[in-house]
Amino acid sequence: MKFRNLAIVAAALLPFTVFAVEPNIQPGEWELNSVTTFPGTPMPEQRESSRECVTADDIARGLAFEVDVEGCEITDQEIREDGMTYSMSCRGEEGFDMTMDAEMHFLGDRTEGTMDAHMLTPMGPMQMQMRLEGHRVGDC
């Protein structure tokens, strides 16, 4: 699961097989952290942290960004050396729909980004925001 927590919790990151330009991410073991909030609700902030090994081959083949979120479709995406942006639309069971916009910055040995999601739930509209950070901690 390469950088998937950054994208999935952000639901991010994306399936690619060939890059026109290789992202500025150093291979190695990465610590990934996310903080999720639900503005306008009493829900507490949620924090997640994980460690993952990202190889040069993962980055070159696009596997560092692989995301497979059931019921979701990537509606817009752009990968650059210094980052990526993407939008996703999800249609779930029981009246749950979500649109999400995310932006990540690739800074060699660290990455940071944001995600903003708008959901239609059986309880009404809801917003989710996420701050994402990762840094390389060493070799795998």
N, C-alpha and C. Protein backbone atom coordinates (compact mmCIF):
# COMPACT_ATOMS: atom_id res chain seq x y z
N MET A 1 0.86 -1.17 0.00
CA MET A 1 0.00 0.00 0.00
C MET A 1 0.90 1.22 0.00
N LYS A 2 1.29 1.71 -1.16
CA LYS A 2 2.23 2.80 -1.32
C LYS A 2 1.51 4.14 -1.34
N PHE A 3 1.72 4.95 -0.35
CA PHE A 3 1.11 6.27 -0.23
C PHE A 3 -0.41 6.21 -0.28
N ARG A 4 -1.00 5.05 -0.21
CA ARG A 4 -2.46 4.94 -0.34
C ARG A 4 -3.18 5.65 0.78
N ASN A 5 -2.61 5.64 1.98
CA ASN A 5 -3.29 6.33 3.07
C ASN A 5 -3.45 7.81 2.74
N LEU A 6 -2.46 8.40 2.09
CA LEU A 6 -2.58 9.80 1.71
C LEU A 6 -3.72 10.01 0.73
N ALA A 7 -3.91 9.11 -0.13
CA ALA A 7 -4.96 9.30 -1.11
C ALA A 7 -6.27 8.72 -0.70
N ILE A 8 -6.29 7.54 -0.15
CA ILE A 8 -7.57 6.93 0.18
C ILE A 8 -8.20 7.66 1.33
N VAL A 9 -7.48 7.84 2.43
CA VAL A 9 -8.06 8.61 3.51
C VAL A 9 -8.45 9.94 2.91
N ALA A 10 -7.61 10.39 2.05
CA ALA A 10 -7.95 11.47 1.15
C ALA A 10 -8.68 10.79 0.04
N ALA A 11 -8.91 9.60 0.26
CA ALA A 11 -9.54 8.66 -0.65
C ALA A 11 -8.49 8.26 -1.64
N ALA A 12 -6.98 9.33 -2.07
CA ALA A 12 -5.66 9.34 -2.92
C ALA A 12 -5.05 8.77 -2.80
N LEU A 13 -4.56 8.14 -3.40
CA LEU A 13 -3.92 8.79 -4.53
C LEU A 13 -4.16 7.93 -5.81
N LEU A 14 -3.72 7.66 -7.21
CA LEU A 14 -4.34 7.32 -8.51
C LEU A 14 -3.63 6.23 -9.32
N PRO A 15 -4.36 5.47 -10.17
CA PRO A 15 -3.67 4.45 -10.96
C PRO A 15 -3.04 5.03 -12.22
N PHE A 16 -1.72 4.92 -12.32
CA PHE A 16 -1.00 5.37 -13.51
C PHE A 16 -0.04 4.26 -13.90
N THR A 17 0.23 4.14 -15.17
CA THR A 17 1.21 3.16 -15.58
C THR A 17 2.42 3.81 -16.23
N VAL A 18 2.27 5.00 -16.80
CA VAL A 18 3.39 5.67 -17.43
C VAL A 18 3.31 7.16 -17.10
N PHE A 19 4.45 7.74 -16.71
CA PHE A 19 4.52 9.17 -16.44
C PHE A 19 5.27 9.86 -17.56
N ALA A 20 4.82 11.04 -17.94
CA ALA A 20 5.58 11.86 -18.87
C ALA A 20 6.78 12.43 -18.13
N VAL A 21 6.62 12.67 -16.84
CA VAL A 21 7.70 13.17 -15.99
C VAL A 21 7.63 12.41 -14.67
N GLU A 22 8.78 12.08 -14.11
CA GLU A 22 8.78 11.32 -12.86
C GLU A 22 8.62 12.26 -11.67
N PRO A 23 7.72 11.95 -10.77
CA PRO A 23 7.50 12.80 -9.58
C PRO A 23 8.75 12.90 -8.71
N ASN A 24 8.92 14.03 -8.06
CA ASN A 24 10.06 14.30 -7.18
C ASN A 24 9.83 13.65 -5.82
N ILE A 25 9.93 12.34 -5.78
CA ILE A 25 9.78 11.57 -4.55
C ILE A 25 10.96 10.61 -4.45
N GLN A 26 11.66 10.63 -3.33
CA GLN A 26 12.79 9.73 -3.14
C GLN A 26 12.31 8.38 -2.64
N PRO A 27 12.83 7.31 -3.21
CA PRO A 27 12.49 5.97 -2.72
C PRO A 27 12.96 5.79 -1.28
N GLY A 28 12.29 4.92 -0.56
CA GLY A 28 12.69 4.61 0.81
C GLY A 28 11.49 4.35 1.69
N GLU A 29 11.73 4.28 2.99
CA GLU A 29 10.63 4.11 3.94
C GLU A 29 10.08 5.49 4.27
N TRP A 30 8.76 5.59 4.20
CA TRP A 30 8.07 6.86 4.42
C TRP A 30 7.13 6.75 5.61
N GLU A 31 7.08 7.82 6.39
CA GLU A 31 6.07 7.94 7.43
C GLU A 31 5.01 8.90 6.88
N LEU A 32 3.76 8.46 6.92
CA LEU A 32 2.65 9.22 6.35
C LEU A 32 1.66 9.58 7.45
N ASN A 33 1.26 10.83 7.51
CA ASN A 33 0.34 11.32 8.55
C ASN A 33 -0.80 12.10 7.92
N SER A 34 -1.98 11.92 8.48
CA SER A 34 -3.14 12.68 8.01
C SER A 34 -3.95 13.15 9.21
N VAL A 35 -4.55 14.32 9.06
CA VAL A 35 -5.47 14.88 10.05
C VAL A 35 -6.75 15.20 9.30
N THR A 36 -7.85 14.58 9.72
CA THR A 36 -9.14 14.76 9.07
C THR A 36 -10.09 15.49 10.00
N THR A 37 -10.77 16.51 9.46
CA THR A 37 -11.77 17.24 10.23
C THR A 37 -13.07 17.28 9.44
N PHE A 38 -14.16 17.47 10.18
CA PHE A 38 -15.49 17.56 9.61
C PHE A 38 -16.10 18.89 10.06
N PRO A 39 -15.79 19.99 9.33
CA PRO A 39 -16.27 21.32 9.74
C PRO A 39 -17.79 21.35 9.91
N GLY A 40 -18.22 22.06 10.95
CA GLY A 40 -19.66 22.22 11.19
C GLY A 40 -20.30 21.05 11.90
N THR A 41 -19.49 20.09 12.36
CA THR A 41 -20.03 18.94 13.09
C THR A 41 -19.30 18.81 14.42
N PRO A 42 -19.87 18.09 15.36
CA PRO A 42 -19.18 17.88 16.63
C PRO A 42 -18.15 16.74 16.55
N MET A 43 -17.99 16.15 15.39
CA MET A 43 -17.05 15.02 15.25
C MET A 43 -15.63 15.47 15.56
N PRO A 44 -14.91 14.69 16.38
CA PRO A 44 -13.53 15.06 16.72
C PRO A 44 -12.60 14.87 15.53
N GLU A 45 -11.50 15.59 15.57
CA GLU A 45 -10.44 15.46 14.58
C GLU A 45 -9.94 14.01 14.59
N GLN A 46 -9.65 13.47 13.42
CA GLN A 46 -9.14 12.10 13.32
C GLN A 46 -7.72 12.13 12.77
N ARG A 47 -6.81 11.42 13.44
CA ARG A 47 -5.41 11.37 13.02
C ARG A 47 -5.04 9.94 12.68
N GLU A 48 -4.28 9.80 11.59
CA GLU A 48 -3.78 8.49 11.19
C GLU A 48 -2.31 8.63 10.84
N SER A 49 -1.56 7.58 11.11
CA SER A 49 -0.15 7.54 10.78
C SER A 49 0.23 6.14 10.35
N SER A 50 1.11 6.04 9.37
CA SER A 50 1.58 4.73 8.92
C SER A 50 2.98 4.88 8.34
N ARG A 51 3.63 3.74 8.16
CA ARG A 51 4.92 3.69 7.49
C ARG A 51 4.82 2.73 6.32
N GLU A 52 5.45 3.12 5.22
CA GLU A 52 5.39 2.30 4.01
C GLU A 52 6.70 2.40 3.25
N CYS A 53 7.06 1.32 2.57
CA CYS A 53 8.24 1.29 1.72
C CYS A 53 7.83 1.65 0.30
N VAL A 54 8.49 2.66 -0.26
CA VAL A 54 8.23 3.08 -1.64
C VAL A 54 9.53 2.87 -2.42
N THR A 55 9.48 2.02 -3.45
CA THR A 55 10.68 1.73 -4.24
C THR A 55 10.75 2.64 -5.46
N ALA A 56 11.93 2.72 -6.07
CA ALA A 56 12.09 3.49 -7.31
C ALA A 56 11.19 2.91 -8.39
N ASP A 57 11.05 1.59 -8.41
CA ASP A 57 10.18 0.94 -9.39
C ASP A 57 8.71 1.33 -9.16
N ASP A 58 8.29 1.40 -7.89
CA ASP A 58 6.92 1.84 -7.58
C ASP A 58 6.65 3.22 -8.16
N ILE A 59 7.60 4.12 -7.97
CA ILE A 59 7.44 5.50 -8.44
C ILE A 59 7.42 5.53 -9.97
N ALA A 60 8.37 4.85 -10.61
CA ALA A 60 8.46 4.85 -12.08
C ALA A 60 7.22 4.25 -12.73
N ARG A 61 6.65 3.22 -12.11
CA ARG A 61 5.48 2.55 -12.69
C ARG A 61 4.16 3.15 -12.23
N GLY A 62 4.21 4.16 -11.34
CA GLY A 62 2.99 4.80 -10.89
C GLY A 62 2.31 4.10 -9.74
N LEU A 63 2.92 3.05 -9.20
CA LEU A 63 2.28 2.31 -8.12
C LEU A 63 2.28 3.06 -6.80
N ALA A 64 3.12 4.07 -6.68
CA ALA A 64 3.14 4.87 -5.45
C ALA A 64 1.85 5.66 -5.31
N PHE A 65 1.08 5.78 -6.40
CA PHE A 65 -0.15 6.56 -6.39
C PHE A 65 -1.39 5.72 -6.63
N GLU A 66 -1.24 4.44 -6.61
CA GLU A 66 -2.35 3.57 -6.95
C GLU A 66 -3.46 3.68 -5.92
N VAL A 67 -4.65 3.92 -6.41
CA VAL A 67 -5.82 3.99 -5.54
C VAL A 67 -6.95 3.24 -6.23
N ASP A 68 -7.56 2.40 -5.48
CA ASP A 68 -8.71 1.68 -6.01
C ASP A 68 -9.81 1.81 -4.97
N VAL A 69 -10.65 2.81 -5.15
CA VAL A 69 -11.73 3.07 -4.21
C VAL A 69 -13.03 2.64 -4.88
N GLU A 70 -13.64 1.62 -4.32
CA GLU A 70 -14.86 1.07 -4.91
C GLU A 70 -15.94 2.14 -5.03
N GLY A 71 -16.56 2.22 -6.20
CA GLY A 71 -17.65 3.16 -6.42
C GLY A 71 -17.19 4.56 -6.77
N CYS A 72 -15.86 4.76 -6.94
CA CYS A 72 -15.33 6.09 -7.23
C CYS A 72 -14.71 6.15 -8.62
N GLU A 73 -14.73 7.34 -9.19
CA GLU A 73 -14.16 7.57 -10.51
C GLU A 73 -13.32 8.83 -10.47
N ILE A 74 -12.11 8.76 -11.03
CA ILE A 74 -11.26 9.94 -11.15
C ILE A 74 -11.85 10.79 -12.27
N THR A 75 -12.19 12.05 -11.97
CA THR A 75 -12.82 12.91 -12.97
C THR A 75 -11.84 13.91 -13.56
N ASP A 76 -10.71 14.14 -12.90
CA ASP A 76 -9.69 15.06 -13.40
C ASP A 76 -8.39 14.73 -12.69
N GLN A 77 -7.26 14.80 -13.40
CA GLN A 77 -5.98 14.50 -12.76
C GLN A 77 -4.84 15.17 -13.52
N GLU A 78 -3.83 15.57 -12.77
CA GLU A 78 -2.62 16.12 -13.36
C GLU A 78 -1.45 15.73 -12.47
N ILE A 79 -0.45 15.10 -13.06
CA ILE A 79 0.78 14.72 -12.34
C ILE A 79 1.90 15.57 -12.90
N ARG A 80 2.65 16.19 -11.99
CA ARG A 80 3.81 16.99 -12.36
C ARG A 80 4.99 16.50 -11.53
N GLU A 81 6.16 16.95 -11.88
CA GLU A 81 7.34 16.59 -11.09
C GLU A 81 7.19 17.07 -9.65
N ASP A 82 6.61 18.25 -9.47
CA ASP A 82 6.53 18.85 -8.13
C ASP A 82 5.21 18.57 -7.41
N GLY A 83 4.30 17.79 -8.03
CA GLY A 83 3.06 17.52 -7.32
C GLY A 83 1.98 16.93 -8.21
N MET A 84 0.80 16.87 -7.66
CA MET A 84 -0.34 16.37 -8.41
C MET A 84 -1.62 16.97 -7.88
N THR A 85 -2.60 17.06 -8.75
CA THR A 85 -3.95 17.44 -8.37
C THR A 85 -4.89 16.41 -8.97
N TYR A 86 -5.98 16.17 -8.29
CA TYR A 86 -6.98 15.27 -8.85
C TYR A 86 -8.33 15.52 -8.22
N SER A 87 -9.35 15.11 -8.95
CA SER A 87 -10.72 15.18 -8.46
C SER A 87 -11.32 13.79 -8.61
N MET A 88 -12.19 13.44 -7.67
CA MET A 88 -12.80 12.13 -7.65
C MET A 88 -14.28 12.29 -7.32
N SER A 89 -15.08 11.45 -7.92
CA SER A 89 -16.51 11.43 -7.64
C SER A 89 -16.88 10.01 -7.23
N CYS A 90 -17.61 9.89 -6.13
CA CYS A 90 -17.99 8.57 -5.61
C CYS A 90 -19.50 8.50 -5.43
N ARG A 91 -20.03 7.36 -5.78
CA ARG A 91 -21.46 7.11 -5.59
C ARG A 91 -21.56 5.85 -4.76
N GLY A 92 -22.06 5.99 -3.56
CA GLY A 92 -22.13 4.85 -2.65
C GLY A 92 -23.54 4.35 -2.46
N GLU A 93 -23.62 3.31 -1.67
CA GLU A 93 -24.91 2.73 -1.34
C GLU A 93 -25.63 3.62 -0.33
N GLU A 94 -26.90 3.42 -0.22
CA GLU A 94 -27.72 4.08 0.79
C GLU A 94 -27.68 5.61 0.70
N GLY A 95 -27.60 6.16 -0.52
CA GLY A 95 -27.70 7.60 -0.70
C GLY A 95 -26.47 8.39 -0.35
N PHE A 96 -25.30 7.79 -0.38
CA PHE A 96 -24.05 8.48 -0.06
C PHE A 96 -23.34 8.85 -1.35
N ASP A 97 -23.17 10.14 -1.60
CA ASP A 97 -22.42 10.63 -2.76
C ASP A 97 -21.33 11.57 -2.27
N MET A 98 -20.17 11.56 -2.95
CA MET A 98 -19.06 12.40 -2.53
C MET A 98 -18.31 12.92 -3.75
N THR A 99 -17.89 14.18 -3.69
CA THR A 99 -16.93 14.73 -4.65
C THR A 99 -15.73 15.20 -3.85
N MET A 100 -14.55 15.02 -4.41
CA MET A 100 -13.33 15.33 -3.68
C MET A 100 -12.34 15.99 -4.62
N ASP A 101 -11.65 17.00 -4.10
CA ASP A 101 -10.54 17.65 -4.80
C ASP A 101 -9.32 17.57 -3.90
N ALA A 102 -8.19 17.17 -4.47
CA ALA A 102 -6.97 17.01 -3.68
C ALA A 102 -5.79 17.62 -4.42
N GLU A 103 -4.82 18.07 -3.64
CA GLU A 103 -3.58 18.61 -4.17
C GLU A 103 -2.44 18.13 -3.30
N MET A 104 -1.41 17.57 -3.93
CA MET A 104 -0.22 17.11 -3.22
C MET A 104 1.00 17.82 -3.80
N HIS A 105 1.98 18.10 -2.92
CA HIS A 105 3.25 18.70 -3.33
C HIS A 105 4.34 17.69 -3.05
N PHE A 106 5.18 17.40 -4.04
CA PHE A 106 6.28 16.46 -3.90
C PHE A 106 7.57 17.25 -3.72
N LEU A 107 8.23 17.04 -2.59
CA LEU A 107 9.39 17.83 -2.22
C LEU A 107 10.62 16.96 -1.98
N GLY A 108 10.76 15.89 -2.75
CA GLY A 108 11.91 15.01 -2.64
C GLY A 108 11.81 14.04 -1.49
N ASP A 109 12.20 14.51 -0.30
CA ASP A 109 12.17 13.64 0.88
C ASP A 109 10.96 13.92 1.78
N ARG A 110 10.03 14.72 1.28
CA ARG A 110 8.78 14.95 2.01
C ARG A 110 7.67 15.30 1.03
N THR A 111 6.46 15.19 1.50
CA THR A 111 5.29 15.53 0.69
C THR A 111 4.24 16.14 1.61
N GLU A 112 3.43 17.00 1.05
CA GLU A 112 2.35 17.61 1.83
C GLU A 112 1.19 17.92 0.90
N GLY A 113 0.01 17.99 1.47
CA GLY A 113 -1.13 18.27 0.62
C GLY A 113 -2.41 18.46 1.41
N THR A 114 -3.46 18.70 0.65
CA THR A 114 -4.79 18.90 1.24
C THR A 114 -5.82 18.17 0.40
N MET A 115 -6.92 17.88 1.03
CA MET A 115 -8.05 17.26 0.37
C MET A 115 -9.31 17.89 0.93
N ASP A 116 -10.25 18.16 0.05
CA ASP A 116 -11.52 18.74 0.46
C ASP A 116 -12.62 17.92 -0.18
N ALA A 117 -13.50 17.35 0.64
CA ALA A 117 -14.58 16.51 0.13
C ALA A 117 -15.93 17.06 0.56
N HIS A 118 -16.88 16.95 -0.34
CA HIS A 118 -18.26 17.33 -0.06
C HIS A 118 -19.11 16.08 -0.24
N MET A 119 -19.87 15.75 0.78
CA MET A 119 -20.65 14.51 0.77
C MET A 119 -22.12 14.81 0.95
N LEU A 120 -22.93 14.03 0.26
CA LEU A 120 -24.36 14.02 0.48
C LEU A 120 -24.66 12.70 1.17
N THR A 121 -25.14 12.79 2.40
CA THR A 121 -25.41 11.59 3.19
C THR A 121 -26.90 11.55 3.52
N PRO A 122 -27.40 10.42 3.99
CA PRO A 122 -28.80 10.37 4.42
C PRO A 122 -29.13 11.39 5.51
N MET A 123 -28.09 11.85 6.25
CA MET A 123 -28.30 12.85 7.30
C MET A 123 -28.18 14.28 6.76
N GLY A 124 -27.86 14.43 5.47
CA GLY A 124 -27.72 15.75 4.88
C GLY A 124 -26.30 15.98 4.38
N PRO A 125 -26.01 17.19 3.89
CA PRO A 125 -24.68 17.50 3.36
C PRO A 125 -23.64 17.52 4.48
N MET A 126 -22.42 17.17 4.12
CA MET A 126 -21.32 17.13 5.09
C MET A 126 -20.03 17.45 4.35
N GLN A 127 -19.10 18.10 5.04
CA GLN A 127 -17.81 18.43 4.47
C GLN A 127 -16.71 17.72 5.25
N MET A 128 -15.68 17.28 4.53
CA MET A 128 -14.52 16.65 5.17
C MET A 128 -13.28 17.32 4.61
N GLN A 129 -12.36 17.70 5.49
CA GLN A 129 -11.10 18.29 5.08
C GLN A 129 -9.96 17.48 5.66
N MET A 130 -8.89 17.35 4.89
CA MET A 130 -7.75 16.58 5.36
C MET A 130 -6.44 17.29 5.03
N ARG A 131 -5.55 17.29 6.01
CA ARG A 131 -4.18 17.74 5.81
C ARG A 131 -3.31 16.49 5.77
N LEU A 132 -2.44 16.42 4.78
CA LEU A 132 -1.61 15.24 4.56
C LEU A 132 -0.15 15.63 4.59
N GLU A 133 0.66 14.83 5.28
CA GLU A 133 2.09 15.06 5.32
C GLU A 133 2.80 13.73 5.31
N GLY A 134 3.94 13.70 4.66
CA GLY A 134 4.76 12.50 4.68
C GLY A 134 6.21 12.90 4.60
N HIS A 135 7.08 12.07 5.17
CA HIS A 135 8.50 12.31 5.04
C HIS A 135 9.25 10.98 5.01
N ARG A 136 10.34 10.99 4.29
CA ARG A 136 11.19 9.83 4.16
C ARG A 136 11.96 9.67 5.47
N VAL A 137 11.96 8.46 6.02
CA VAL A 137 12.64 8.23 7.29
C VAL A 137 13.91 7.41 7.13
N GLY A 138 14.15 6.87 5.93
CA GLY A 138 15.36 6.09 5.68
C GLY A 138 15.14 5.08 4.58
N ASP A 139 16.05 4.14 4.49
CA ASP A 139 15.95 3.09 3.48
C ASP A 139 14.93 2.04 3.93
N CYS A 140 14.39 1.33 2.96
CA CYS A 140 13.44 0.25 3.26
C CYS A 140 14.17 -0.92 3.92
